[in-house]
Amino acid sequence: MPKQPRRVPRYRHYKPKNLGVVRIDGKDQYLGRYDSPESREKYHRLIAEWLSNGGAYTTPAVASALAVMMFVLTPEQI
């Protein structure tokens, strides 16, 4: 059976605190006040990052560790 493509995570409303939220790889990312321009911008930024990584979310700690490794290692070591 062919594997179904992953769906793009939806922008949702977390009603108890009136926040925008998106669930990426099983983790809720709170985006700020629901339906505000800032929360929509953060949603689009996270989705763009998620899509650019092939549908895998990279936490800021992992991204910074990768950046340090790329800086320290020479091209021959990679």
C-alpha atoms as a PDB file:
ATOM      1  CA  MET A   1       0.000   0.000   0.000  1.00  0.00           C
ATOM      2  CA  PRO A   2       1.504   3.384  -0.950  1.00  0.00           C
ATOM      3  CA  LYS A   3       2.393   5.701   1.852  1.00  0.00           C
ATOM      4  CA  GLN A   4       0.068   8.704   2.081  1.00  0.00           C
ATOM      5  CA  PRO A   5       1.714  12.136   1.976  1.00  0.00           C
ATOM      6  CA  ARG A   6       1.884  14.045   5.236  1.00  0.00           C
ATOM      7  CA  ARG A   7      -0.638  16.817   5.632  1.00  0.00           C
ATOM      8  CA  VAL A   8       0.414  20.346   6.411  1.00  0.00           C
ATOM      9  CA  PRO A   9      -0.394  21.027  10.094  1.00  0.00           C
ATOM     10  CA  ARG A  10      -3.389  23.328  10.554  1.00  0.00           C
ATOM     11  CA  TYR A  11      -3.535  26.653  12.350  1.00  0.00           C
ATOM     12  CA  ARG A  12      -5.909  26.047  15.270  1.00  0.00           C
ATOM     13  CA  HIS A  13      -7.558  27.971  18.092  1.00  0.00           C
ATOM     14  CA  TYR A  14      -6.640  27.066  21.688  1.00  0.00           C
ATOM     15  CA  LYS A  15      -9.805  28.473  23.246  1.00  0.00           C
ATOM     16  CA  PRO A  16      -8.952  28.384  26.985  1.00  0.00           C
ATOM     17  CA  LYS A  17      -6.239  31.011  26.486  1.00  0.00           C
ATOM     18  CA  ASN A  18      -7.309  32.440  23.112  1.00  0.00           C
ATOM     19  CA  LEU A  19      -4.056  31.385  21.460  1.00  0.00           C
ATOM     20  CA  GLY A  20      -3.190  30.208  17.999  1.00  0.00           C
ATOM     21  CA  VAL A  21      -1.534  26.802  18.004  1.00  0.00           C
ATOM     22  CA  VAL A  22      -0.082  24.357  15.512  1.00  0.00           C
ATOM     23  CA  ARG A  23       0.923  20.766  16.284  1.00  0.00           C
ATOM     24  CA  ILE A  24       4.137  19.781  14.531  1.00  0.00           C
ATOM     25  CA  ASP A  25       5.526  16.277  15.019  1.00  0.00           C
ATOM     26  CA  GLY A  26       3.305  15.757  18.060  1.00  0.00           C
ATOM     27  CA  LYS A  27       4.321  18.966  19.845  1.00  0.00           C
ATOM     28  CA  ASP A  28       2.080  21.992  20.210  1.00  0.00           C
ATOM     29  CA  GLN A  29       3.693  25.272  19.207  1.00  0.00           C
ATOM     30  CA  TYR A  30       1.848  28.259  20.680  1.00  0.00           C
ATOM     31  CA  LEU A  31       1.863  31.201  18.317  1.00  0.00           C
ATOM     32  CA  GLY A  32       0.433  34.129  20.279  1.00  0.00           C
ATOM     33  CA  ARG A  33      -3.032  35.661  20.318  1.00  0.00           C
ATOM     34  CA  TYR A  34      -5.389  33.769  18.013  1.00  0.00           C
ATOM     35  CA  ASP A  35      -5.873  35.269  14.551  1.00  0.00           C
ATOM     36  CA  SER A  36      -3.407  38.104  15.138  1.00  0.00           C
ATOM     37  CA  PRO A  37      -1.020  39.028  12.303  1.00  0.00           C
ATOM     38  CA  GLU A  38       1.925  38.022  14.508  1.00  0.00           C
ATOM     39  CA  SER A  39       0.557  34.533  15.187  1.00  0.00           C
ATOM     40  CA  ARG A  40      -0.225  34.002  11.487  1.00  0.00           C
ATOM     41  CA  GLU A  41       3.307  35.102  10.549  1.00  0.00           C
ATOM     42  CA  LYS A  42       4.818  32.728  13.128  1.00  0.00           C
ATOM     43  CA  TYR A  43       2.621  29.893  11.799  1.00  0.00           C
ATOM     44  CA  HIS A  44       3.777  30.506   8.219  1.00  0.00           C
ATOM     45  CA  ARG A  45       7.417  30.690   9.329  1.00  0.00           C
ATOM     46  CA  LEU A  46       7.170  27.382  11.249  1.00  0.00           C
ATOM     47  CA  ILE A  47       5.402  25.652   8.351  1.00  0.00           C
ATOM     48  CA  ALA A  48       7.993  26.934   5.866  1.00  0.00           C
ATOM     49  CA  GLU A  49      10.770  25.599   8.119  1.00  0.00           C
ATOM     50  CA  TRP A  50       8.933  22.292   8.522  1.00  0.00           C
ATOM     51  CA  LEU A  51       8.478  21.927   4.756  1.00  0.00           C
ATOM     52  CA  SER A  52      12.089  22.870   4.008  1.00  0.00           C
ATOM     53  CA  ASN A  53      13.233  20.073   6.346  1.00  0.00           C
ATOM     54  CA  GLY A  54      11.156  17.512   4.477  1.00  0.00           C
ATOM     55  CA  GLY A  55       8.332  17.478   6.993  1.00  0.00           C
ATOM     56  CA  ALA A  56      10.515  17.222  10.074  1.00  0.00           C
ATOM     57  CA  TYR A  57      10.589  19.932  12.718  1.00  0.00           C
ATOM     58  CA  THR A  58      14.018  20.977  13.930  1.00  0.00           C
ATOM     59  CA  THR A  59      14.087  22.541  17.367  1.00  0.00           C
ATOM     60  CA  PRO A  60      16.172  25.705  17.812  1.00  0.00           C
ATOM     61  CA  ALA A  61      18.687  23.775  19.954  1.00  0.00           C
ATOM     62  CA  VAL A  62      19.242  21.177  17.240  1.00  0.00           C
ATOM     63  CA  ALA A  63      19.477  23.856  14.552  1.00  0.00           C
ATOM     64  CA  SER A  64      22.086  25.818  16.500  1.00  0.00           C
ATOM     65  CA  ALA A  65      24.090  22.648  17.215  1.00  0.00           C
ATOM     66  CA  LEU A  66      24.094  21.839  13.500  1.00  0.00           C
ATOM     67  CA  ALA A  67      25.218  25.384  12.700  1.00  0.00           C
ATOM     68  CA  VAL A  68      28.129  25.076  15.157  1.00  0.00           C
ATOM     69  CA  MET A  69      29.141  21.727  13.673  1.00  0.00           C
ATOM     70  CA  MET A  70      29.104  23.165  10.160  1.00  0.00           C
ATOM     71  CA  PHE A  71      31.214  26.113  11.321  1.00  0.00           C
ATOM     72  CA  VAL A  72      33.806  24.007  13.172  1.00  0.00           C
ATOM     73  CA  LEU A  73      34.207  21.210  10.618  1.00  0.00           C
ATOM     74  CA  THR A  74      36.032  21.739   7.377  1.00  0.00           C
ATOM     75  CA  PRO A  75      34.382  20.599   4.122  1.00  0.00           C
ATOM     76  CA  GLU A  76      36.711  17.579   4.023  1.00  0.00           C
ATOM     77  CA  GLN A  77      35.430  16.394   7.421  1.00  0.00           C
ATOM     78  CA  ILE A  78      31.756  16.597   6.469  1.00  0.00           C
END
